[in-house]
């Protein structure tokens, strides 16, 4: 399962990178949960990405706290 989980994470990361504009730092809800005490972030509309049935929530990191 670890290999499948890792592959899924890498695929999601690549899809998020494809959505980001130049200079933007985007993350998923899971990543934001780990860093929310040290960053400010703005919620973006959920994005449908290839390989996922449900849209994923994305957040734009706007500043360090």
N, C-alpha and C. Protein backbone atom coordinates (compact mmCIF):
# COMPACT_ATOMS: atom_id res chain seq x y z
N UNK A 1 0.80 -1.20 0.00
CA UNK A 1 0.00 0.00 0.00
C UNK A 1 0.85 1.26 0.00
N UNK A 2 2.02 1.22 0.61
CA UNK A 2 2.87 2.40 0.69
C UNK A 2 3.23 2.90 -0.71
N UNK A 3 3.53 1.99 -1.59
CA UNK A 3 3.90 2.38 -2.94
C UNK A 3 2.73 3.07 -3.65
N UNK A 4 1.52 2.52 -3.51
CA UNK A 4 0.34 3.13 -4.12
C UNK A 4 0.05 4.50 -3.51
N UNK A 5 0.17 4.60 -2.17
CA UNK A 5 -0.06 5.87 -1.49
C UNK A 5 0.93 6.92 -1.95
N UNK A 6 2.18 6.53 -2.06
CA UNK A 6 3.22 7.45 -2.50
C UNK A 6 2.97 7.89 -3.94
N UNK A 7 2.60 6.96 -4.79
CA UNK A 7 2.31 7.29 -6.18
C UNK A 7 1.14 8.25 -6.29
N UNK A 8 0.10 8.04 -5.48
CA UNK A 8 -1.06 8.92 -5.48
C UNK A 8 -0.64 10.32 -5.04
N UNK A 9 0.16 10.42 -3.99
CA UNK A 9 0.61 11.73 -3.49
C UNK A 9 1.43 12.46 -4.55
N UNK A 10 2.28 11.76 -5.24
CA UNK A 10 3.11 12.37 -6.29
C UNK A 10 2.22 12.85 -7.44
N UNK A 11 1.23 12.05 -7.81
CA UNK A 11 0.32 12.45 -8.89
C UNK A 11 -0.47 13.69 -8.51
N UNK A 12 -1.01 13.73 -7.29
CA UNK A 12 -1.77 14.90 -6.85
C UNK A 12 -0.86 16.12 -6.84
N UNK A 13 0.35 15.95 -6.35
CA UNK A 13 1.31 17.06 -6.32
C UNK A 13 1.57 17.60 -7.72
N UNK A 14 1.75 16.74 -8.67
CA UNK A 14 1.98 17.16 -10.05
C UNK A 14 0.77 17.90 -10.61
N UNK A 15 -0.43 17.44 -10.27
CA UNK A 15 -1.65 18.11 -10.75
C UNK A 15 -1.79 19.50 -10.12
N UNK A 16 -1.48 19.61 -8.83
CA UNK A 16 -1.54 20.91 -8.15
C UNK A 16 -0.52 21.86 -8.77
N UNK A 17 0.66 21.36 -9.04
CA UNK A 17 1.70 22.18 -9.68
C UNK A 17 1.21 22.69 -11.03
N UNK A 18 0.47 21.87 -11.75
CA UNK A 18 -0.05 22.28 -13.05
C UNK A 18 -1.09 23.38 -12.96
N UNK A 19 -1.76 23.49 -11.82
CA UNK A 19 -2.78 24.51 -11.61
C UNK A 19 -2.15 25.85 -11.20
N UNK A 20 -1.02 25.78 -10.53
CA UNK A 20 -0.39 26.99 -9.98
C UNK A 20 0.10 27.92 -11.09
N UNK A 21 -0.09 29.21 -10.83
CA UNK A 21 0.44 30.24 -11.72
C UNK A 21 1.87 30.56 -11.28
N UNK A 22 2.62 31.25 -12.12
CA UNK A 22 3.98 31.63 -11.78
C UNK A 22 4.05 32.38 -10.47
N UNK A 23 4.91 31.95 -9.57
CA UNK A 23 5.10 32.61 -8.30
C UNK A 23 4.14 32.19 -7.20
N UNK A 24 3.14 31.37 -7.53
CA UNK A 24 2.18 30.92 -6.52
C UNK A 24 2.70 29.68 -5.80
N UNK A 25 2.32 29.58 -4.54
CA UNK A 25 2.57 28.36 -3.78
C UNK A 25 1.20 27.83 -3.37
N UNK A 26 0.82 26.69 -3.90
CA UNK A 26 -0.46 26.08 -3.60
C UNK A 26 -0.24 24.82 -2.79
N UNK A 27 -1.25 24.48 -1.98
CA UNK A 27 -1.18 23.24 -1.24
C UNK A 27 -2.57 22.67 -1.07
N UNK A 28 -2.62 21.42 -0.67
CA UNK A 28 -3.89 20.75 -0.40
C UNK A 28 -4.25 20.95 1.07
N UNK A 29 -5.43 20.52 1.44
CA UNK A 29 -5.89 20.64 2.82
C UNK A 29 -4.99 19.85 3.77
N UNK A 30 -4.51 18.69 3.35
CA UNK A 30 -3.63 17.89 4.21
C UNK A 30 -2.34 18.63 4.52
N UNK A 31 -1.75 19.24 3.52
CA UNK A 31 -0.52 19.99 3.74
C UNK A 31 -0.79 21.22 4.59
N UNK A 32 -1.87 21.92 4.31
CA UNK A 32 -2.20 23.11 5.09
C UNK A 32 -2.37 22.76 6.56
N UNK A 33 -2.97 21.63 6.85
CA UNK A 33 -3.17 21.22 8.24
C UNK A 33 -1.83 21.09 8.97
N UNK A 34 -0.79 20.73 8.25
CA UNK A 34 0.52 20.56 8.88
C UNK A 34 1.27 21.87 9.08
N UNK A 35 0.94 22.89 8.29
CA UNK A 35 1.70 24.15 8.34
C UNK A 35 0.87 25.37 8.71
N UNK A 36 -0.40 25.17 9.04
CA UNK A 36 -1.29 26.31 9.24
C UNK A 36 -0.86 27.25 10.35
N UNK A 37 -0.09 26.77 11.30
CA UNK A 37 0.35 27.65 12.38
C UNK A 37 1.47 28.61 11.94
N UNK A 38 2.08 28.35 10.80
CA UNK A 38 3.19 29.20 10.37
C UNK A 38 2.95 29.93 9.05
N UNK A 39 1.79 29.70 8.41
CA UNK A 39 1.50 30.37 7.14
C UNK A 39 0.11 30.99 7.17
N UNK A 40 -0.09 31.93 6.28
CA UNK A 40 -1.43 32.44 5.99
C UNK A 40 -1.79 31.88 4.62
N UNK A 41 -3.04 31.47 4.49
CA UNK A 41 -3.47 30.86 3.23
C UNK A 41 -4.89 31.29 2.89
N UNK A 42 -5.15 31.35 1.59
CA UNK A 42 -6.47 31.68 1.07
C UNK A 42 -7.04 30.44 0.39
N UNK A 43 -8.29 30.14 0.71
CA UNK A 43 -8.95 29.01 0.05
C UNK A 43 -9.25 29.36 -1.39
N UNK A 44 -9.05 28.42 -2.26
CA UNK A 44 -9.38 28.56 -3.68
C UNK A 44 -10.56 27.64 -3.98
N UNK A 45 -11.24 27.86 -5.10
CA UNK A 45 -12.31 26.93 -5.46
C UNK A 45 -11.73 25.52 -5.66
N UNK A 46 -12.47 24.49 -5.26
CA UNK A 46 -12.00 23.12 -5.48
C UNK A 46 -11.70 22.87 -6.97
N UNK A 47 -10.73 22.04 -7.22
CA UNK A 47 -10.28 21.76 -8.58
C UNK A 47 -10.42 20.27 -8.87
N UNK A 48 -11.00 19.95 -10.00
CA UNK A 48 -11.08 18.56 -10.44
C UNK A 48 -9.77 18.20 -11.12
N UNK A 49 -9.13 17.16 -10.65
CA UNK A 49 -7.87 16.73 -11.25
C UNK A 49 -8.00 15.31 -11.75
N UNK A 50 -7.23 15.02 -12.76
CA UNK A 50 -7.23 13.68 -13.36
C UNK A 50 -6.84 12.66 -12.30
N UNK A 51 -7.57 11.58 -12.27
CA UNK A 51 -7.26 10.49 -11.34
C UNK A 51 -7.99 10.57 -10.02
N UNK A 52 -8.75 11.63 -9.80
CA UNK A 52 -9.52 11.78 -8.56
C UNK A 52 -10.99 11.92 -8.91
N UNK A 53 -11.83 11.22 -8.17
CA UNK A 53 -13.27 11.29 -8.43
C UNK A 53 -13.86 12.61 -7.95
N UNK A 54 -13.38 13.07 -6.81
CA UNK A 54 -13.90 14.30 -6.22
C UNK A 54 -12.90 15.44 -6.41
N UNK A 55 -13.40 16.66 -6.57
CA UNK A 55 -12.49 17.82 -6.65
C UNK A 55 -11.68 17.92 -5.35
N UNK A 56 -10.48 18.46 -5.46
CA UNK A 56 -9.65 18.64 -4.27
C UNK A 56 -9.63 20.12 -3.87
N UNK A 57 -9.62 20.35 -2.58
CA UNK A 57 -9.55 21.71 -2.06
C UNK A 57 -8.10 22.18 -2.16
N UNK A 58 -7.93 23.39 -2.66
CA UNK A 58 -6.60 23.97 -2.76
C UNK A 58 -6.54 25.28 -1.99
N UNK A 59 -5.34 25.60 -1.55
CA UNK A 59 -5.11 26.83 -0.79
C UNK A 59 -3.86 27.51 -1.33
N UNK A 60 -3.93 28.84 -1.42
CA UNK A 60 -2.77 29.63 -1.87
C UNK A 60 -2.08 30.17 -0.62
N UNK A 61 -0.80 29.85 -0.46
CA UNK A 61 -0.03 30.37 0.65
C UNK A 61 0.30 31.82 0.32
N UNK A 62 -0.12 32.74 1.21
CA UNK A 62 0.07 34.15 0.93
C UNK A 62 1.18 34.79 1.74
N UNK A 63 1.51 34.21 2.90
CA UNK A 63 2.55 34.81 3.73
C UNK A 63 2.95 33.85 4.85
N UNK A 64 4.09 34.09 5.41
CA UNK A 64 4.49 33.41 6.63
C UNK A 64 3.97 34.23 7.80
N UNK A 65 3.63 33.57 8.88
CA UNK A 65 3.15 34.27 10.08
C UNK A 65 4.32 34.79 10.89
